[in-house]
Amino acid sequence: MRLSHDPKWVRANTVFPTFGTGRDVGLLGVPACETSLSPTSAHLTPDAIRRALARYSTFSATHDVDLRDLDLRDLGDVDSPDGTDGERRVASAVANARANHKLLIALGGDNSITYSVTAGLWPDLSKCGLITLDAHLDIRDGNSNGSPVWRMIQAGMRGRNIVQIGISDFANSREYFARAKDAGIHVIVRDELRHRPTADVMAEALEIAGGDQREIYVDLDVDVCDRFAAPACPASVPGGITADELRQVAYLAGADSRVRALDITEIDAATDTADQRTIRLGALLVLEASCGVASR
């Protein structure tokens, strides 16, 4: 579809050039999909989100921020990021991200990238904390999109530095909940979010994950949202959080200087609705997180 042109209504896709430093935000595609527990075409999603950015402007009236005033850069995609060799390519791609960008935004791809990107950013995972927005604990055995958090713990991340928000009923097992408890993970289930403001929950999570000025990685698994808002997430369930709540989380994560990287995962661009509501939400998460960086 051809979009209109108005020089006074700048489209958001134009503020992520493929050149420059990206001192404020670097955007990196990590199109992993091969180890997903549910069949997925999530490898199509980074480019779909980039295209969807053209649907939005660069200005946030709420925060009085125009993204044109930030230094942003599209770093392209990691080629073939699945498997052992792929994870090495991810590590190489992000090796200098903490030095070069205030915030790295990784576009998945499935949730396996949460491990590969984090491990590439922090060779010593005991030095960082993790916040996940997810319907699932992701502490299964093996190497898949269901295991990144468990792989991090096995690689040295401390469970007490992990907060998992939005965990859904009937989407996890008793055995894995016991594993999370034994590991010391702080779990905030979906029901608790019905009674607490999003900002309050995120403030708690940021203090737990980022205590003693630890740097933080934030995983935005979009299947934490209600299935109506995220129909292109294979494992989203009815009754998840709202799209607006996840947008708030993205902004609050971007606004905290301890958060050095954030991913957006589990969207299958090939299965979205005709109005592209899930992909468009993914694009808004990019913009909200970038807007947050402007407030640092």
C-alpha atoms as a PDB file:
ATOM      1  CA  MET A   1       0.000   0.000   0.000  1.00  0.00           C
ATOM      2  CA  ARG A   2       1.317   3.432  -0.950  1.00  0.00           C
ATOM      3  CA  LEU A   3       1.440   5.843   1.983  1.00  0.00           C
ATOM      4  CA  SER A   4       0.849   9.565   1.744  1.00  0.00           C
ATOM      5  CA  HIS A   5       3.694  12.046   1.960  1.00  0.00           C
ATOM      6  CA  ASP A   6       3.586  15.125   4.193  1.00  0.00           C
ATOM      7  CA  PRO A   7       6.843  16.939   5.046  1.00  0.00           C
ATOM      8  CA  LYS A   8       5.294  18.051   8.345  1.00  0.00           C
ATOM      9  CA  TRP A   9       4.388  14.459   9.356  1.00  0.00           C
ATOM     10  CA  VAL A  10       7.664  12.562   9.423  1.00  0.00           C
ATOM     11  CA  ARG A  11       7.368   8.777   9.465  1.00  0.00           C
ATOM     12  CA  ALA A  12       9.175   6.811  12.166  1.00  0.00           C
ATOM     13  CA  ASN A  13      10.960   4.448   9.797  1.00  0.00           C
ATOM     14  CA  THR A  14      13.044   7.395   8.567  1.00  0.00           C
ATOM     15  CA  VAL A  15      14.763   7.944  11.926  1.00  0.00           C
ATOM     16  CA  PHE A  16      16.502   4.538  11.913  1.00  0.00           C
ATOM     17  CA  PRO A  17      19.070   4.963   9.132  1.00  0.00           C
ATOM     18  CA  THR A  18      21.603   2.256   8.301  1.00  0.00           C
ATOM     19  CA  PHE A  19      24.470   4.689   8.831  1.00  0.00           C
ATOM     20  CA  GLY A  20      25.719   6.839  11.693  1.00  0.00           C
ATOM     21  CA  THR A  21      26.661   5.897  15.238  1.00  0.00           C
ATOM     22  CA  GLY A  22      23.297   5.096  16.812  1.00  0.00           C
ATOM     23  CA  ARG A  23      24.682   6.492  20.045  1.00  0.00           C
ATOM     24  CA  ASP A  24      21.249   6.469  21.673  1.00  0.00           C
ATOM     25  CA  VAL A  25      19.616   3.340  20.202  1.00  0.00           C
ATOM     26  CA  GLY A  26      20.840   0.560  17.946  1.00  0.00           C
ATOM     27  CA  LEU A  27      18.197  -1.647  16.284  1.00  0.00           C
ATOM     28  CA  LEU A  28      19.313  -5.178  15.417  1.00  0.00           C
ATOM     29  CA  GLY A  29      17.336  -7.961  13.757  1.00  0.00           C
ATOM     30  CA  VAL A  30      17.903 -11.460  15.157  1.00  0.00           C
ATOM     31  CA  PRO A  31      15.565 -13.625  13.024  1.00  0.00           C
ATOM     32  CA  ALA A  32      15.874 -16.924  14.909  1.00  0.00           C
ATOM     33  CA  CYS A  33      13.110 -19.492  14.431  1.00  0.00           C
ATOM     34  CA  GLU A  34      14.540 -22.984  14.002  1.00  0.00           C
ATOM     35  CA  THR A  35      14.322 -24.200  17.615  1.00  0.00           C
ATOM     36  CA  SER A  36      10.821 -22.901  18.321  1.00  0.00           C
ATOM     37  CA  LEU A  37       8.531 -25.331  20.140  1.00  0.00           C
ATOM     38  CA  SER A  38       5.652 -24.095  17.946  1.00  0.00           C
ATOM     39  CA  PRO A  39       6.063 -23.890  14.155  1.00  0.00           C
ATOM     40  CA  THR A  40       6.811 -20.267  13.331  1.00  0.00           C
ATOM     41  CA  SER A  41       7.922 -17.889  10.612  1.00  0.00           C
ATOM     42  CA  ALA A  42       9.337 -15.474  13.176  1.00  0.00           C
ATOM     43  CA  HIS A  43      12.364 -14.962  10.929  1.00  0.00           C
ATOM     44  CA  LEU A  44      10.116 -12.686   8.826  1.00  0.00           C
ATOM     45  CA  THR A  45       9.330 -10.405  11.742  1.00  0.00           C
ATOM     46  CA  PRO A  46      12.288  -7.978  11.966  1.00  0.00           C
ATOM     47  CA  ASP A  47      11.669  -6.662   8.454  1.00  0.00           C
ATOM     48  CA  ALA A  48       7.902  -6.620   9.028  1.00  0.00           C
ATOM     49  CA  ILE A  49       8.371  -4.436  12.108  1.00  0.00           C
ATOM     50  CA  ARG A  50      10.684  -2.108  10.197  1.00  0.00           C
ATOM     51  CA  ARG A  51       8.017  -1.683   7.518  1.00  0.00           C
ATOM     52  CA  ALA A  52       5.347  -1.078  10.173  1.00  0.00           C
ATOM     53  CA  LEU A  53       7.372   1.825  11.606  1.00  0.00           C
ATOM     54  CA  ALA A  54       6.256   3.760   8.543  1.00  0.00           C
ATOM     55  CA  ARG A  55       2.716   3.725   9.992  1.00  0.00           C
ATOM     56  CA  TYR A  56       3.783   5.971  12.878  1.00  0.00           C
ATOM     57  CA  SER A  57       5.158   9.450  13.380  1.00  0.00           C
ATOM     58  CA  THR A  58       8.261  10.343  15.366  1.00  0.00           C
ATOM     59  CA  PHE A  59       6.522  12.427  18.055  1.00  0.00           C
ATOM     60  CA  SER A  60       5.241  11.433  21.507  1.00  0.00           C
ATOM     61  CA  ALA A  61       2.833  14.057  22.815  1.00  0.00           C
ATOM     62  CA  THR A  62       2.702  12.343  26.212  1.00  0.00           C
ATOM     63  CA  HIS A  63       6.420  12.792  26.816  1.00  0.00           C
ATOM     64  CA  ASP A  64       7.018  15.770  24.492  1.00  0.00           C
ATOM     65  CA  VAL A  65       9.731  13.798  22.703  1.00  0.00           C
ATOM     66  CA  ASP A  66      10.498  13.752  18.999  1.00  0.00           C
ATOM     67  CA  LEU A  67      12.651  10.790  17.990  1.00  0.00           C
ATOM     68  CA  ARG A  68      14.237  12.946  15.297  1.00  0.00           C
ATOM     69  CA  ASP A  69      16.253  14.500  18.134  1.00  0.00           C
ATOM     70  CA  LEU A  70      17.854  11.149  19.036  1.00  0.00           C
ATOM     71  CA  ASP A  71      20.804   9.374  17.433  1.00  0.00           C
ATOM     72  CA  LEU A  72      19.291   6.116  16.172  1.00  0.00           C
ATOM     73  CA  ARG A  73      20.634   3.460  13.799  1.00  0.00           C
ATOM     74  CA  ASP A  74      19.405   0.288  12.135  1.00  0.00           C
ATOM     75  CA  LEU A  75      22.246  -2.216  12.441  1.00  0.00           C
ATOM     76  CA  GLY A  76      20.702  -4.719  10.027  1.00  0.00           C
ATOM     77  CA  ASP A  77      20.174  -8.426  10.739  1.00  0.00           C
ATOM     78  CA  VAL A  78      22.339 -11.199  12.118  1.00  0.00           C
ATOM     79  CA  ASP A  79      22.620 -13.809   9.396  1.00  0.00           C
ATOM     80  CA  SER A  80      21.379 -17.312  10.361  1.00  0.00           C
ATOM     81  CA  PRO A  81      21.283 -16.751  14.140  1.00  0.00           C
ATOM     82  CA  ASP A  82      20.086 -20.270  15.089  1.00  0.00           C
ATOM     83  CA  GLY A  83      22.237 -23.047  16.542  1.00  0.00           C
ATOM     84  CA  THR A  84      25.736 -22.928  17.987  1.00  0.00           C
ATOM     85  CA  ASP A  85      27.303 -21.192  15.003  1.00  0.00           C
ATOM     86  CA  GLY A  86      24.408 -18.754  14.835  1.00  0.00           C
ATOM     87  CA  GLU A  87      24.794 -17.846  18.488  1.00  0.00           C
ATOM     88  CA  ARG A  88      28.453 -17.086  17.820  1.00  0.00           C
ATOM     89  CA  ARG A  89      27.362 -14.725  15.053  1.00  0.00           C
ATOM     90  CA  VAL A  90      24.932 -13.047  17.469  1.00  0.00           C
ATOM     91  CA  ALA A  91      27.711 -12.637  20.040  1.00  0.00           C
ATOM     92  CA  SER A  92      29.950 -11.054  17.419  1.00  0.00           C
ATOM     93  CA  ALA A  93      27.179  -8.690  16.305  1.00  0.00           C
ATOM     94  CA  VAL A  94      26.497  -7.393  19.831  1.00  0.00           C
ATOM     95  CA  ALA A  95      30.030  -7.472  21.213  1.00  0.00           C
ATOM     96  CA  ASN A  96      30.444  -3.676  21.156  1.00  0.00           C
ATOM     97  CA  ALA A  97      26.806  -2.720  21.693  1.00  0.00           C
ATOM     98  CA  ARG A  98      27.163  -1.678  25.327  1.00  0.00           C
ATOM     99  CA  ALA A  99      30.026   0.631  24.402  1.00  0.00           C
ATOM    100  CA  ASN A 100      28.350   2.055  21.299  1.00  0.00           C
ATOM    101  CA  HIS A 101      24.674   2.465  22.269  1.00  0.00           C
ATOM    102  CA  LYS A 102      22.729   3.514  25.348  1.00  0.00           C
ATOM    103  CA  LEU A 103      20.163   0.868  24.404  1.00  0.00           C
ATOM    104  CA  LEU A 104      20.258  -2.073  22.013  1.00  0.00           C
ATOM    105  CA  ILE A 105      16.844  -3.216  20.731  1.00  0.00           C
ATOM    106  CA  ALA A 106      16.906  -6.745  19.324  1.00  0.00           C
ATOM    107  CA  LEU A 107      14.056  -7.715  17.016  1.00  0.00           C
ATOM    108  CA  GLY A 108      13.237 -11.423  17.095  1.00  0.00           C
ATOM    109  CA  GLY A 109      12.736 -13.984  15.992  1.00  0.00           C
ATOM    110  CA  ASP A 110      11.635 -16.362  18.664  1.00  0.00           C
ATOM    111  CA  ASN A 111      12.480 -16.173  22.350  1.00  0.00           C
ATOM    112  CA  SER A 112      15.692 -18.167  21.991  1.00  0.00           C
ATOM    113  CA  ILE A 113      17.390 -14.853  21.167  1.00  0.00           C
ATOM    114  CA  THR A 114      17.010 -13.737  24.777  1.00  0.00           C
ATOM    115  CA  TYR A 115      19.823 -16.126  25.659  1.00  0.00           C
ATOM    116  CA  SER A 116      22.052 -15.518  22.642  1.00  0.00           C
ATOM    117  CA  VAL A 117      21.888 -11.723  22.799  1.00  0.00           C
ATOM    118  CA  THR A 118      22.351 -11.553  26.573  1.00  0.00           C
ATOM    119  CA  ALA A 119      25.257 -14.004  26.578  1.00  0.00           C
ATOM    120  CA  GLY A 120      26.880 -12.008  23.784  1.00  0.00           C
ATOM    121  CA  LEU A 121      26.519  -8.731  25.670  1.00  0.00           C
ATOM    122  CA  TRP A 122      27.728 -10.045  29.046  1.00  0.00           C
ATOM    123  CA  PRO A 123      30.250 -12.900  28.856  1.00  0.00           C
ATOM    124  CA  ASP A 124      29.875 -13.036  32.655  1.00  0.00           C
ATOM    125  CA  LEU A 125      26.113 -13.312  33.158  1.00  0.00           C
ATOM    126  CA  SER A 126      26.456 -12.892  36.923  1.00  0.00           C
ATOM    127  CA  LYS A 127      27.075  -9.204  36.190  1.00  0.00           C
ATOM    128  CA  CYS A 128      23.582  -8.459  34.846  1.00  0.00           C
ATOM    129  CA  GLY A 129      19.920  -8.835  35.752  1.00  0.00           C
ATOM    130  CA  LEU A 130      16.949  -9.934  33.678  1.00  0.00           C
ATOM    131  CA  ILE A 131      13.318  -8.825  33.463  1.00  0.00           C
ATOM    132  CA  THR A 132      10.935 -10.806  31.295  1.00  0.00           C
ATOM    133  CA  LEU A 133       7.410  -9.917  30.233  1.00  0.00           C
ATOM    134  CA  ASP A 134       6.113 -13.324  29.240  1.00  0.00           C
ATOM    135  CA  ALA A 135       3.230 -15.727  29.684  1.00  0.00           C
ATOM    136  CA  HIS A 136       5.831 -18.481  30.160  1.00  0.00           C
ATOM    137  CA  LEU A 137       8.736 -19.147  32.497  1.00  0.00           C
ATOM    138  CA  ASP A 138      11.081 -20.302  29.700  1.00  0.00           C
ATOM    139  CA  ILE A 139      13.050 -22.581  32.009  1.00  0.00           C
ATOM    140  CA  ARG A 140      12.592 -25.842  30.121  1.00  0.00           C
ATOM    141  CA  ASP A 141      15.490 -28.197  29.526  1.00  0.00           C
ATOM    142  CA  GLY A 142      17.288 -28.133  26.181  1.00  0.00           C
ATOM    143  CA  ASN A 143      17.968 -25.343  23.700  1.00  0.00           C
ATOM    144  CA  SER A 144      14.762 -23.805  22.364  1.00  0.00           C
ATOM    145  CA  ASN A 145      12.554 -20.756  22.673  1.00  0.00           C
ATOM    146  CA  GLY A 146      11.246 -22.380  25.853  1.00  0.00           C
ATOM    147  CA  SER A 147      14.619 -22.509  27.601  1.00  0.00           C
ATOM    148  CA  PRO A 148      16.491 -19.157  27.446  1.00  0.00           C
ATOM    149  CA  VAL A 149      16.070 -18.271  31.120  1.00  0.00           C
ATOM    150  CA  TRP A 150      17.218 -21.694  32.263  1.00  0.00           C
ATOM    151  CA  ARG A 151      20.222 -21.505  29.931  1.00  0.00           C
ATOM    152  CA  MET A 152      21.146 -18.137  31.464  1.00  0.00           C
ATOM    153  CA  ILE A 153      21.021 -19.580  34.959  1.00  0.00           C
ATOM    154  CA  GLN A 154      23.137 -22.517  33.896  1.00  0.00           C
ATOM    155  CA  ALA A 155      25.615 -20.047  32.353  1.00  0.00           C
ATOM    156  CA  GLY A 156      25.978 -18.076  35.588  1.00  0.00           C
ATOM    157  CA  MET A 157      23.090 -15.626  35.918  1.00  0.00           C
ATOM    158  CA  ARG A 158      21.790 -15.512  39.486  1.00  0.00           C
ATOM    159  CA  GLY A 159      18.130 -16.406  39.897  1.00  0.00           C
ATOM    160  CA  ARG A 160      17.709 -13.685  42.511  1.00  0.00           C
ATOM    161  CA  ASN A 161      18.511 -11.129  39.790  1.00  0.00           C
ATOM    162  CA  ILE A 162      15.667 -12.337  37.547  1.00  0.00           C
ATOM    163  CA  VAL A 163      12.094 -11.020  37.582  1.00  0.00           C
ATOM    164  CA  GLN A 164       9.395 -12.626  35.433  1.00  0.00           C
ATOM    165  CA  ILE A 165       6.205 -10.624  34.922  1.00  0.00           C
ATOM    166  CA  GLY A 166       2.843 -11.710  33.495  1.00  0.00           C
ATOM    167  CA  ILE A 167       3.265 -15.460  33.905  1.00  0.00           C
ATOM    168  CA  SER A 168      -0.023 -17.032  32.872  1.00  0.00           C
ATOM    169  CA  ASP A 169      -2.126 -19.783  34.412  1.00  0.00           C
ATOM    170  CA  PHE A 170      -2.387 -22.999  32.414  1.00  0.00           C
ATOM    171  CA  ALA A 171       0.670 -22.055  30.362  1.00  0.00           C
ATOM    172  CA  ASN A 172       3.331 -23.538  32.668  1.00  0.00           C
ATOM    173  CA  SER A 173       3.787 -26.696  34.719  1.00  0.00           C
ATOM    174  CA  ARG A 174       4.021 -27.284  38.461  1.00  0.00           C
ATOM    175  CA  GLU A 175       7.466 -28.775  37.936  1.00  0.00           C
ATOM    176  CA  TYR A 176       8.832 -25.675  36.237  1.00  0.00           C
ATOM    177  CA  PHE A 177       7.278 -23.382  38.829  1.00  0.00           C
ATOM    178  CA  ALA A 178       9.144 -25.402  41.453  1.00  0.00           C
ATOM    179  CA  ARG A 179      12.347 -24.976  39.444  1.00  0.00           C
ATOM    180  CA  ALA A 180      11.824 -21.206  39.298  1.00  0.00           C
ATOM    181  CA  LYS A 181      11.253 -21.059  43.055  1.00  0.00           C
ATOM    182  CA  ASP A 182      14.312 -23.171  43.785  1.00  0.00           C
ATOM    183  CA  ALA A 183      16.405 -20.906  41.558  1.00  0.00           C
ATOM    184  CA  GLY A 184      15.258 -17.808  43.471  1.00  0.00           C
ATOM    185  CA  ILE A 185      13.454 -16.179  40.538  1.00  0.00           C
ATOM    186  CA  HIS A 186      10.943 -13.475  41.485  1.00  0.00           C
ATOM    187  CA  VAL A 187       7.722 -14.355  39.652  1.00  0.00           C
ATOM    188  CA  ILE A 188       4.819 -11.901  39.278  1.00  0.00           C
ATOM    189  CA  VAL A 189       1.860 -13.825  37.899  1.00  0.00           C
ATOM    190  CA  ARG A 190      -0.768 -12.401  35.582  1.00  0.00           C
ATOM    191  CA  ASP A 191      -3.404 -12.182  38.322  1.00  0.00           C
ATOM    192  CA  GLU A 192      -1.245  -9.853  40.437  1.00  0.00           C
ATOM    193  CA  LEU A 193      -1.110  -7.370  37.554  1.00  0.00           C
ATOM    194  CA  ARG A 194      -4.874  -6.936  37.782  1.00  0.00           C
ATOM    195  CA  HIS A 195      -4.414  -5.227  41.143  1.00  0.00           C
ATOM    196  CA  ARG A 196      -1.210  -3.213  40.663  1.00  0.00           C
ATOM    197  CA  PRO A 197      -0.251  -0.303  38.400  1.00  0.00           C
ATOM    198  CA  THR A 198       2.224  -1.171  35.671  1.00  0.00           C
ATOM    199  CA  ALA A 199       4.634   1.530  36.847  1.00  0.00           C
ATOM    200  CA  ASP A 200       4.654   0.050  40.368  1.00  0.00           C
ATOM    201  CA  VAL A 201       5.415  -3.444  39.073  1.00  0.00           C
ATOM    202  CA  MET A 202       8.226  -2.193  36.844  1.00  0.00           C
ATOM    203  CA  ALA A 203       9.752  -0.114  39.637  1.00  0.00           C
ATOM    204  CA  GLU A 204       9.949  -3.251  41.780  1.00  0.00           C
ATOM    205  CA  ALA A 205      11.359  -5.328  38.935  1.00  0.00           C
ATOM    206  CA  LEU A 206      14.017  -2.766  38.046  1.00  0.00           C
ATOM    207  CA  GLU A 207      15.206  -2.587  41.646  1.00  0.00           C
ATOM    208  CA  ILE A 208      15.448  -6.368  41.962  1.00  0.00           C
ATOM    209  CA  ALA A 209      17.159  -6.930  38.607  1.00  0.00           C
ATOM    210  CA  GLY A 210      19.297  -3.799  38.783  1.00  0.00           C
ATOM    211  CA  GLY A 211      20.268  -3.658  42.437  1.00  0.00           C
ATOM    212  CA  ASP A 212      23.804  -2.442  43.154  1.00  0.00           C
ATOM    213  CA  GLN A 213      23.676  -0.698  39.759  1.00  0.00           C
ATOM    214  CA  ARG A 214      23.709  -3.958  37.803  1.00  0.00           C
ATOM    215  CA  GLU A 215      22.987  -3.591  34.127  1.00  0.00           C
ATOM    216  CA  ILE A 216      19.687  -5.097  32.987  1.00  0.00           C
ATOM    217  CA  TYR A 217      18.344  -6.949  29.964  1.00  0.00           C
ATOM    218  CA  VAL A 218      14.580  -6.782  29.309  1.00  0.00           C
ATOM    219  CA  ASP A 219      12.759  -9.454  27.300  1.00  0.00           C
ATOM    220  CA  LEU A 220       9.421  -8.362  25.825  1.00  0.00           C
ATOM    221  CA  ASP A 221       7.840 -11.625  24.731  1.00  0.00           C
ATOM    222  CA  VAL A 222       4.714 -10.279  23.095  1.00  0.00           C
ATOM    223  CA  ASP A 223       2.740 -13.440  23.952  1.00  0.00           C
ATOM    224  CA  VAL A 224       2.360 -11.900  27.416  1.00  0.00           C
ATOM    225  CA  CYS A 225      -0.464  -9.893  25.805  1.00  0.00           C
ATOM    226  CA  ASP A 226      -4.058 -10.994  25.443  1.00  0.00           C
ATOM    227  CA  ARG A 227      -4.496 -13.077  22.318  1.00  0.00           C
ATOM    228  CA  PHE A 228      -6.828 -10.445  20.882  1.00  0.00           C
ATOM    229  CA  ALA A 229      -3.928  -7.962  20.930  1.00  0.00           C
ATOM    230  CA  ALA A 230      -1.288 -10.480  19.843  1.00  0.00           C
ATOM    231  CA  PRO A 231      -2.870 -13.051  17.502  1.00  0.00           C
ATOM    232  CA  ALA A 232       0.444 -13.549  15.675  1.00  0.00           C
ATOM    233  CA  CYS A 233       2.128 -14.933  18.795  1.00  0.00           C
ATOM    234  CA  PRO A 234       1.742 -18.734  18.610  1.00  0.00           C
ATOM    235  CA  ALA A 235       1.537 -19.167  22.387  1.00  0.00           C
ATOM    236  CA  SER A 236      -0.452 -16.081  23.425  1.00  0.00           C
ATOM    237  CA  VAL A 237      -3.547 -16.842  25.500  1.00  0.00           C
ATOM    238  CA  PRO A 238      -6.872 -15.100  26.136  1.00  0.00           C
ATOM    239  CA  GLY A 239      -6.604 -13.008  29.286  1.00  0.00           C
ATOM    240  CA  GLY A 240      -3.061 -11.710  28.929  1.00  0.00           C
ATOM    241  CA  ILE A 241      -2.065  -8.117  29.595  1.00  0.00           C
ATOM    242  CA  THR A 242      -3.149  -5.283  27.313  1.00  0.00           C
ATOM    243  CA  ALA A 243      -1.120  -3.819  24.482  1.00  0.00           C
ATOM    244  CA  ASP A 244      -1.115  -0.522  26.369  1.00  0.00           C
ATOM    245  CA  GLU A 245       0.410  -2.130  29.463  1.00  0.00           C
ATOM    246  CA  LEU A 246       3.223  -3.622  27.382  1.00  0.00           C
ATOM    247  CA  ARG A 247       3.816  -0.241  25.740  1.00  0.00           C
ATOM    248  CA  GLN A 248       4.184   1.292  29.220  1.00  0.00           C
ATOM    249  CA  VAL A 249       6.726  -1.366  30.135  1.00  0.00           C
ATOM    250  CA  ALA A 250       8.744  -0.655  26.989  1.00  0.00           C
ATOM    251  CA  TYR A 251       8.879   3.055  27.807  1.00  0.00           C
ATOM    252  CA  LEU A 252       9.811   2.495  31.452  1.00  0.00           C
ATOM    253  CA  ALA A 253      12.555   0.045  30.444  1.00  0.00           C
ATOM    254  CA  GLY A 254      13.961   2.508  27.934  1.00  0.00           C
ATOM    255  CA  ALA A 255      13.912   5.291  30.517  1.00  0.00           C
ATOM    256  CA  ASP A 256      16.078   3.429  33.054  1.00  0.00           C
ATOM    257  CA  SER A 257      19.795   3.860  32.393  1.00  0.00           C
ATOM    258  CA  ARG A 258      20.522   0.427  33.875  1.00  0.00           C
ATOM    259  CA  VAL A 259      18.614  -1.210  31.007  1.00  0.00           C
ATOM    260  CA  ARG A 260      21.213  -1.696  28.269  1.00  0.00           C
ATOM    261  CA  ALA A 261      19.316  -4.031  25.954  1.00  0.00           C
ATOM    262  CA  LEU A 262      15.774  -5.081  25.208  1.00  0.00           C
ATOM    263  CA  ASP A 263      14.290  -7.628  22.860  1.00  0.00           C
ATOM    264  CA  ILE A 264      10.896  -7.983  21.160  1.00  0.00           C
ATOM    265  CA  THR A 265      10.127 -11.628  20.456  1.00  0.00           C
ATOM    266  CA  GLU A 266       7.666 -14.378  19.556  1.00  0.00           C
ATOM    267  CA  ILE A 267       5.743 -12.577  16.802  1.00  0.00           C
ATOM    268  CA  ASP A 268       5.162 -14.669  13.678  1.00  0.00           C
ATOM    269  CA  ALA A 269       4.640 -12.097  10.923  1.00  0.00           C
ATOM    270  CA  ALA A 270       3.187 -14.735   8.598  1.00  0.00           C
ATOM    271  CA  THR A 271       0.186 -15.392  10.851  1.00  0.00           C
ATOM    272  CA  ASP A 272      -0.842 -11.868  11.788  1.00  0.00           C
ATOM    273  CA  THR A 273      -4.325 -10.520  11.110  1.00  0.00           C
ATOM    274  CA  ALA A 274      -5.068  -8.445   8.026  1.00  0.00           C
ATOM    275  CA  ASP A 275      -4.711  -5.247  10.066  1.00  0.00           C
ATOM    276  CA  GLN A 276      -1.255  -6.372  11.278  1.00  0.00           C
ATOM    277  CA  ARG A 277      -2.140  -5.600  14.874  1.00  0.00           C
ATOM    278  CA  THR A 278       0.688  -7.691  16.372  1.00  0.00           C
ATOM    279  CA  ILE A 279       3.374  -6.363  14.048  1.00  0.00           C
ATOM    280  CA  ARG A 280       2.142  -2.815  14.609  1.00  0.00           C
ATOM    281  CA  LEU A 281       2.379  -3.378  18.358  1.00  0.00           C
ATOM    282  CA  GLY A 282       5.955  -4.585  17.894  1.00  0.00           C
ATOM    283  CA  ALA A 283       6.786  -1.368  16.044  1.00  0.00           C
ATOM    284  CA  LEU A 284       5.234   0.711  18.824  1.00  0.00           C
ATOM    285  CA  LEU A 285       7.377  -1.106  21.382  1.00  0.00           C
ATOM    286  CA  VAL A 286      10.464   0.014  19.441  1.00  0.00           C
ATOM    287  CA  LEU A 287       9.223   3.605  19.515  1.00  0.00           C
ATOM    288  CA  GLU A 288       8.205   3.551  23.192  1.00  0.00           C
ATOM    289  CA  ALA A 289      11.581   2.157  24.288  1.00  0.00           C
ATOM    290  CA  SER A 290      13.426   4.718  22.160  1.00  0.00           C
ATOM    291  CA  CYS A 291      11.280   7.489  23.622  1.00  0.00           C
ATOM    292  CA  GLY A 292      12.207   6.284  27.082  1.00  0.00           C
ATOM    293  CA  VAL A 293      15.903   6.669  26.257  1.00  0.00           C
ATOM    294  CA  ALA A 294      15.277  10.353  25.535  1.00  0.00           C
ATOM    295  CA  SER A 295      14.316  10.861  29.188  1.00  0.00           C
ATOM    296  CA  ARG A 296      17.523   9.435  30.626  1.00  0.00           C
END
